PDB file of N, CA and C in Angstrom:
ATOM      1  N   MET A   1      28.041  11.369   2.307  1.00  0.00           N
ATOM      2  CA  MET A   1      28.615  11.280   0.985  1.00  0.00           C
ATOM      3  C   MET A   1      27.833  12.361   0.161  1.00  0.00           C
ATOM      4  N   GLN A   2      28.403  12.723  -0.997  1.00  0.00           N
ATOM      5  CA  GLN A   2      27.733  13.535  -1.980  1.00  0.00           C
ATOM      6  C   GLN A   2      26.714  12.739  -2.659  1.00  0.00           C
ATOM      7  N   HIS A   3      25.477  13.315  -2.819  1.00  0.00           N
ATOM      8  CA  HIS A   3      24.449  12.667  -3.514  1.00  0.00           C
ATOM      9  C   HIS A   3      24.765  12.550  -5.048  1.00  0.00           C
ATOM     10  N   ALA A   4      25.418  13.559  -5.513  1.00  0.00           N
ATOM     11  CA  ALA A   4      25.745  13.573  -6.921  1.00  0.00           C
ATOM     12  C   ALA A   4      27.152  14.203  -7.130  1.00  0.00           C
ATOM     13  N   ALA A   5      27.841  13.870  -8.199  1.00  0.00           N
ATOM     14  CA  ALA A   5      29.124  14.396  -8.390  1.00  0.00           C
ATOM     15  C   ALA A   5      29.267  14.612  -9.925  1.00  0.00           C
ATOM     16  N   LYS A   6      29.840  15.736 -10.360  1.00  0.00           N
ATOM     17  CA  LYS A   6      30.136  16.047 -11.805  1.00  0.00           C
ATOM     18  C   LYS A   6      28.816  15.842 -12.591  1.00  0.00           C
ATOM     19  N   GLY A   7      27.706  16.449 -11.938  1.00  0.00           N
ATOM     20  CA  GLY A   7      26.361  16.299 -12.592  1.00  0.00           C
ATOM     21  C   GLY A   7      25.715  14.977 -12.685  1.00  0.00           C
ATOM     22  N   LYS A   8      26.235  13.944 -12.102  1.00  0.00           N
ATOM     23  CA  LYS A   8      25.615  12.593 -12.158  1.00  0.00           C
ATOM     24  C   LYS A   8      25.308  12.090 -10.767  1.00  0.00           C
ATOM     25  N   SER A   9      24.267  11.494 -10.675  1.00  0.00           N
ATOM     26  CA  SER A   9      23.667  10.936  -9.443  1.00  0.00           C
ATOM     27  C   SER A   9      24.727   9.730  -9.068  1.00  0.00           C
ATOM     28  N   LYS A  10      25.021   9.622  -7.672  1.00  0.00           N
ATOM     29  CA  LYS A  10      25.705   8.352  -7.181  1.00  0.00           C
ATOM     30  C   LYS A  10      24.644   7.380  -6.668  1.00  0.00           C
ATOM     31  N   ILE A  11      23.341   7.725  -6.592  1.00  0.00           N
ATOM     32  CA  ILE A  11      22.217   6.757  -6.205  1.00  0.00           C
ATOM     33  C   ILE A  11      21.680   6.254  -7.522  1.00  0.00           C
ATOM     34  N   VAL A  12      22.052   5.080  -7.912  1.00  0.00           N
ATOM     35  CA  VAL A  12      21.744   4.576  -9.403  1.00  0.00           C
ATOM     36  C   VAL A  12      20.916   3.316  -9.324  1.00  0.00           C
ATOM     37  N   GLN A  13      20.322   2.999 -10.433  1.00  0.00           N
ATOM     38  CA  GLN A  13      19.518   1.839 -10.427  1.00  0.00           C
ATOM     39  C   GLN A  13      20.432   0.649 -10.328  1.00  0.00           C
ATOM     40  N   LYS A  14      21.473   0.521 -10.980  1.00  0.00           N
ATOM     41  CA  LYS A  14      22.352  -0.642 -10.889  1.00  0.00           C
ATOM     42  C   LYS A  14      23.836  -0.184 -10.836  1.00  0.00           C
ATOM     43  N   CYS A  15      24.582  -0.935  -9.846  1.00  0.00           N
ATOM     44  CA  CYS A  15      26.018  -0.452  -9.788  1.00  0.00           C
ATOM     45  C   CYS A  15      26.679  -0.929 -10.989  1.00  0.00           C
ATOM     46  N   THR A  16      27.643  -0.053 -11.577  1.00  0.00           N
ATOM     47  CA  THR A  16      28.414  -0.576 -12.718  1.00  0.00           C
ATOM     48  C   THR A  16      29.949  -0.502 -12.308  1.00  0.00           C
ATOM     49  N   LEU A  17      30.143  -0.248 -11.086  1.00  0.00           N
ATOM     50  CA  LEU A  17      31.561  -0.335 -10.544  1.00  0.00           C
ATOM     51  C   LEU A  17      31.864  -1.601  -9.829  1.00  0.00           C
ATOM     52  N   PRO A  18      33.126  -1.990  -9.627  1.00  0.00           N
ATOM     53  CA  PRO A  18      33.422  -3.085  -8.887  1.00  0.00           C
ATOM     54  C   PRO A  18      32.903  -3.123  -7.448  1.00  0.00           C
ATOM     55  N   LEU A  19      32.290  -4.204  -6.995  1.00  0.00           N
ATOM     56  CA  LEU A  19      31.766  -4.201  -5.727  1.00  0.00           C
ATOM     57  C   LEU A  19      32.808  -4.405  -4.713  1.00  0.00           C
ATOM     58  N   THR A  20      32.647  -3.707  -3.630  1.00  0.00           N
ATOM     59  CA  THR A  20      33.720  -3.684  -2.547  1.00  0.00           C
ATOM     60  C   THR A  20      33.362  -4.307  -1.225  1.00  0.00           C
ATOM     61  N   SER A  21      32.038  -4.894  -1.324  1.00  0.00           N
ATOM     62  CA  SER A  21      31.598  -5.566  -0.001  1.00  0.00           C
ATOM     63  C   SER A  21      30.669  -6.751  -0.671  1.00  0.00           C
ATOM     64  N   ALA A  22      30.876  -7.852   0.238  1.00  0.00           N
ATOM     65  CA  ALA A  22      29.863  -9.039  -0.096  1.00  0.00           C
ATOM     66  C   ALA A  22      28.580  -8.781   0.376  1.00  0.00           C
ATOM     67  N   ARG A  23      28.308  -7.749   1.356  1.00  0.00           N
ATOM     68  CA  ARG A  23      26.987  -7.620   1.884  1.00  0.00           C
ATOM     69  C   ARG A  23      26.349  -6.367   1.177  1.00  0.00           C
ATOM     70  N   SER A  24      25.011  -6.241   1.330  1.00  0.00           N
ATOM     71  CA  SER A  24      24.332  -5.197   0.784  1.00  0.00           C
ATOM     72  C   SER A  24      24.195  -4.116   1.925  1.00  0.00           C
ATOM     73  N   ILE A  25      23.988  -2.948   1.422  1.00  0.00           N
ATOM     74  CA  ILE A  25      23.840  -1.871   2.356  1.00  0.00           C
ATOM     75  C   ILE A  25      22.315  -1.737   2.769  1.00  0.00           C
ATOM     76  N   ASP A  26      22.005  -1.087   3.975  1.00  0.00           N
ATOM     77  CA  ASP A  26      20.677  -0.855   4.369  1.00  0.00           C
ATOM     78  C   ASP A  26      20.355   0.676   4.626  1.00  0.00           C
ATOM     79  N   LEU A  27      21.377   1.586   4.508  1.00  0.00           N
ATOM     80  CA  LEU A  27      21.137   2.979   4.727  1.00  0.00           C
ATOM     81  C   LEU A  27      22.207   3.665   4.003  1.00  0.00           C
ATOM     82  N   VAL A  28      21.748   4.723   3.184  1.00  0.00           N
ATOM     83  CA  VAL A  28      22.718   5.766   2.494  1.00  0.00           C
ATOM     84  C   VAL A  28      22.296   7.127   3.101  1.00  0.00           C
ATOM     85  N   VAL A  29      23.372   7.747   3.537  1.00  0.00           N
ATOM     86  CA  VAL A  29      23.154   9.151   4.028  1.00  0.00           C
ATOM     87  C   VAL A  29      24.032  10.135   3.196  1.00  0.00           C
ATOM     88  N   THR A  30      23.289  11.024   2.394  1.00  0.00           N
ATOM     89  CA  THR A  30      24.011  11.926   1.643  1.00  0.00           C
ATOM     90  C   THR A  30      23.748  13.372   2.018  1.00  0.00           C
ATOM     91  N   ASP A  31      24.390  14.284   1.239  1.00  0.00           N
ATOM     92  CA  ASP A  31      24.102  15.732   1.673  1.00  0.00           C
ATOM     93  C   ASP A  31      22.707  16.132   1.404  1.00  0.00           C
ATOM     94  N   LEU A  32      21.913  15.325   0.651  1.00  0.00           N
ATOM     95  CA  LEU A  32      20.494  15.676   0.381  1.00  0.00           C
ATOM     96  C   LEU A  32      19.518  14.963   1.170  1.00  0.00           C
ATOM     97  N   ALA A  33      19.962  13.678   1.306  1.00  0.00           N
ATOM     98  CA  ALA A  33      18.854  12.841   1.975  1.00  0.00           C
ATOM     99  C   ALA A  33      19.430  11.593   2.756  1.00  0.00           C
ATOM    100  N   VAL A  34      18.397  10.937   3.479  1.00  0.00           N
ATOM    101  CA  VAL A  34      18.641   9.620   4.001  1.00  0.00           C
ATOM    102  C   VAL A  34      17.805   8.588   3.308  1.00  0.00           C
ATOM    103  N   ILE A  35      18.374   7.673   2.672  1.00  0.00           N
ATOM    104  CA  ILE A  35      17.722   6.665   1.880  1.00  0.00           C
ATOM    105  C   ILE A  35      17.847   5.291   2.535  1.00  0.00           C
ATOM    106  N   GLY A  36      16.841   4.534   2.791  1.00  0.00           N
ATOM    107  CA  GLY A  36      16.834   3.309   3.262  1.00  0.00           C
ATOM    108  C   GLY A  36      16.246   2.282   2.206  1.00  0.00           C
ATOM    109  N   PHE A  37      16.307   0.901   2.652  1.00  0.00           N
ATOM    110  CA  PHE A  37      16.000  -0.173   1.899  1.00  0.00           C
ATOM    111  C   PHE A  37      14.952  -1.127   2.488  1.00  0.00           C
ATOM    112  N   PRO A  38      13.839  -0.677   3.175  1.00  0.00           N
ATOM    113  CA  PRO A  38      13.014  -1.618   3.716  1.00  0.00           C
ATOM    114  C   PRO A  38      12.392  -2.478   2.737  1.00  0.00           C
ATOM    115  N   GLY A  39      12.362  -3.849   3.063  1.00  0.00           N
ATOM    116  CA  GLY A  39      11.781  -4.772   2.164  1.00  0.00           C
ATOM    117  C   GLY A  39      12.516  -4.769   0.729  1.00  0.00           C
ATOM    118  N   GLY A  40      13.752  -4.219   0.725  1.00  0.00           N
ATOM    119  CA  GLY A  40      14.501  -4.183  -0.653  1.00  0.00           C
ATOM    120  C   GLY A  40      14.018  -3.107  -1.544  1.00  0.00           C
ATOM    121  N   GLN A  41      13.204  -2.135  -1.009  1.00  0.00           N
ATOM    122  CA  GLN A  41      12.641  -1.012  -1.966  1.00  0.00           C
ATOM    123  C   GLN A  41      13.374   0.141  -1.525  1.00  0.00           C
ATOM    124  N   ILE A  42      14.064   0.758  -2.476  1.00  0.00           N
ATOM    125  CA  ILE A  42      14.771   2.080  -2.114  1.00  0.00           C
ATOM    126  C   ILE A  42      13.891   3.208  -1.856  1.00  0.00           C
ATOM    127  N   THR A  43      13.894   3.746  -0.515  1.00  0.00           N
ATOM    128  CA  THR A  43      12.874   4.555  -0.032  1.00  0.00           C
ATOM    129  C   THR A  43      13.523   5.811   0.509  1.00  0.00           C
ATOM    130  N   LEU A  44      12.960   6.844   0.186  1.00  0.00           N
ATOM    131  CA  LEU A  44      13.437   8.201   0.906  1.00  0.00           C
ATOM    132  C   LEU A  44      12.811   8.365   2.187  1.00  0.00           C
ATOM    133  N   LEU A  45      13.776   8.326   3.151  1.00  0.00           N
ATOM    134  CA  LEU A  45      13.457   8.427   4.609  1.00  0.00           C
ATOM    135  C   LEU A  45      13.408   9.823   5.174  1.00  0.00           C
ATOM    136  N   GLU A  46      14.329  10.668   4.910  1.00  0.00           N
ATOM    137  CA  GLU A  46      14.451  12.143   5.248  1.00  0.00           C
ATOM    138  C   GLU A  46      15.079  12.841   4.224  1.00  0.00           C
ATOM    139  N   THR A  47      14.830  14.183   4.302  1.00  0.00           N
ATOM    140  CA  THR A  47      15.472  15.134   3.409  1.00  0.00           C
ATOM    141  C   THR A  47      16.567  15.999   4.368  1.00  0.00           C
ATOM    142  N   ALA A  48      17.424  16.544   3.679  1.00  0.00           N
ATOM    143  CA  ALA A  48      18.389  17.479   4.473  1.00  0.00           C
ATOM    144  C   ALA A  48      17.621  18.748   4.712  1.00  0.00           C
ATOM    145  N   PRO A  49      18.080  19.525   5.722  1.00  0.00           N
ATOM    146  CA  PRO A  49      17.322  20.797   5.896  1.00  0.00           C
ATOM    147  C   PRO A  49      17.382  21.762   4.679  1.00  0.00           C
ATOM    148  N   GLY A  50      16.203  22.160   4.297  1.00  0.00           N
ATOM    149  CA  GLY A  50      16.135  23.103   3.126  1.00  0.00           C
ATOM    150  C   GLY A  50      16.035  22.346   1.898  1.00  0.00           C
ATOM    151  N   VAL A  51      16.093  21.182   1.849  1.00  0.00           N
ATOM    152  CA  VAL A  51      16.021  20.360   0.532  1.00  0.00           C
ATOM    153  C   VAL A  51      14.660  19.755   0.430  1.00  0.00           C
ATOM    154  N   SER A  52      13.961  19.968  -0.822  1.00  0.00           N
ATOM    155  CA  SER A  52      12.713  19.386  -1.046  1.00  0.00           C
ATOM    156  C   SER A  52      12.755  17.914  -1.482  1.00  0.00           C
ATOM    157  N   VAL A  53      11.669  17.213  -1.315  1.00  0.00           N
ATOM    158  CA  VAL A  53      11.574  15.925  -1.872  1.00  0.00           C
ATOM    159  C   VAL A  53      11.769  15.954  -3.545  1.00  0.00           C
ATOM    160  N   ALA A  54      11.192  16.967  -4.125  1.00  0.00           N
ATOM    161  CA  ALA A  54      11.302  17.132  -5.519  1.00  0.00           C
ATOM    162  C   ALA A  54      12.891  17.264  -5.952  1.00  0.00           C
ATOM    163  N   GLU A  55      13.729  18.006  -5.160  1.00  0.00           N
ATOM    164  CA  GLU A  55      15.152  18.226  -5.375  1.00  0.00           C
ATOM    165  C   GLU A  55      15.745  16.706  -5.297  1.00  0.00           C
ATOM    166  N   VAL A  56      15.465  15.962  -4.340  1.00  0.00           N
ATOM    167  CA  VAL A  56      16.085  14.606  -4.128  1.00  0.00           C
ATOM    168  C   VAL A  56      15.736  13.754  -5.335  1.00  0.00           C
ATOM    169  N   ILE A  57      14.496  13.793  -5.713  1.00  0.00           N
ATOM    170  CA  ILE A  57      14.071  12.931  -6.917  1.00  0.00           C
ATOM    171  C   ILE A  57      14.767  13.361  -8.156  1.00  0.00           C
ATOM    172  N   ALA A  58      14.923  14.696  -8.218  1.00  0.00           N
ATOM    173  CA  ALA A  58      15.712  15.242  -9.551  1.00  0.00           C
ATOM    174  C   ALA A  58      17.140  14.785  -9.496  1.00  0.00           C
ATOM    175  N   ALA A  59      17.746  14.645  -8.293  1.00  0.00           N
ATOM    176  CA  ALA A  59      19.226  14.344  -8.171  1.00  0.00           C
ATOM    177  C   ALA A  59      19.372  12.904  -8.059  1.00  0.00           C
ATOM    178  N   THR A  60      18.401  11.980  -8.174  1.00  0.00           N
ATOM    179  CA  THR A  60      18.533  10.551  -7.933  1.00  0.00           C
ATOM    180  C   THR A  60      18.192   9.840  -9.258  1.00  0.00           C
ATOM    181  N   GLU A  61      19.072   8.994  -9.736  1.00  0.00           N
ATOM    182  CA  GLU A  61      18.838   8.181 -10.861  1.00  0.00           C
ATOM    183  C   GLU A  61      17.797   7.072 -10.575  1.00  0.00           C
ATOM    184  N   ALA A  62      18.028   6.448  -9.492  1.00  0.00           N
ATOM    185  CA  ALA A  62      17.139   5.310  -9.027  1.00  0.00           C
ATOM    186  C   ALA A  62      15.793   5.741  -8.792  1.00  0.00           C
ATOM    187  N   ASP A  63      14.803   4.872  -9.012  1.00  0.00           N
ATOM    188  CA  ASP A  63      13.388   5.164  -8.707  1.00  0.00           C
ATOM    189  C   ASP A  63      13.161   5.015  -7.210  1.00  0.00           C
ATOM    190  N   LEU A  64      12.960   6.173  -6.637  1.00  0.00           N
ATOM    191  CA  LEU A  64      12.657   6.263  -5.068  1.00  0.00           C
ATOM    192  C   LEU A  64      11.191   5.897  -4.796  1.00  0.00           C
ATOM    193  N   SER A  65      10.945   5.188  -3.695  1.00  0.00           N
ATOM    194  CA  SER A  65       9.638   5.046  -3.211  1.00  0.00           C
ATOM    195  C   SER A  65       9.653   6.333  -2.262  1.00  0.00           C
ATOM    196  N   ILE A  66       8.445   6.992  -2.355  1.00  0.00           N
ATOM    197  CA  ILE A  66       8.316   8.244  -1.484  1.00  0.00           C
ATOM    198  C   ILE A  66       7.061   8.046  -0.672  1.00  0.00           C
ATOM    199  N   PRO A  67       7.395   7.931   0.705  1.00  0.00           N
ATOM    200  CA  PRO A  67       6.258   7.938   1.740  1.00  0.00           C
ATOM    201  C   PRO A  67       5.388   9.148   1.715  1.00  0.00           C
ATOM    202  N   ASN A  68       4.205   9.113   2.303  1.00  0.00           N
ATOM    203  CA  ASN A  68       3.448  10.202   2.301  1.00  0.00           C
ATOM    204  C   ASN A  68       3.896  11.450   3.178  1.00  0.00           C
ATOM    205  N   ASN A  69       4.655  11.077   4.299  1.00  0.00           N
ATOM    206  CA  ASN A  69       5.353  12.032   5.045  1.00  0.00           C
ATOM    207  C   ASN A  69       6.903  11.851   4.999  1.00  0.00           C
ATOM    208  N   VAL A  70       7.591  12.726   4.475  1.00  0.00           N
ATOM    209  CA  VAL A  70       9.126  12.576   4.493  1.00  0.00           C
ATOM    210  C   VAL A  70       9.544  13.714   5.470  1.00  0.00           C
ATOM    211  N   PRO A  71       9.995  13.422   6.719  1.00  0.00           N
ATOM    212  CA  PRO A  71      10.566  14.506   7.508  1.00  0.00           C
ATOM    213  C   PRO A  71      11.879  14.985   7.093  1.00  0.00           C
ATOM    214  N   GLU A  72      12.161  16.138   7.632  1.00  0.00           N
ATOM    215  CA  GLU A  72      13.607  16.746   7.417  1.00  0.00           C
ATOM    216  C   GLU A  72      14.410  16.207   8.524  1.00  0.00           C
ATOM    217  N   MET A  73      15.815  16.060   8.124  1.00  0.00           N
ATOM    218  CA  MET A  73      16.804  15.538   9.009  1.00  0.00           C
ATOM    219  C   MET A  73      16.965  16.518  10.324  1.00  0.00           C
ATOM    220  N   LYS A  74      17.168  16.062  11.420  1.00  0.00           N
ATOM    221  CA  LYS A  74      17.474  16.864  12.506  1.00  0.00           C
ATOM    222  C   LYS A  74      18.997  16.909  12.664  1.00  0.00           C
ATOM    223  N   ILE A  75      19.496  18.069  12.635  1.00  0.00           N
ATOM    224  CA  ILE A  75      21.050  18.206  12.757  1.00  0.00           C
ATOM    225  C   ILE A  75      21.478  18.414  14.106  1.00  0.00           C
TER     226      ILE A  75
END
């Protein structure tokens, strides 16, 4: 999915749209990053090739947990 659209992040602190599933998600893959939710904490797992951690943070409304080592996705 696109990480952001029309200048706004799709990865937000709290969903304001109608929920379409009774279950929570555990992984989000966007054009910029792979984001997981280990222990309920939104965590940057990987960046897309050529995308820096800083770029992902800037494009994300939600507060991301950033591990010491964030690898680049293998395509």
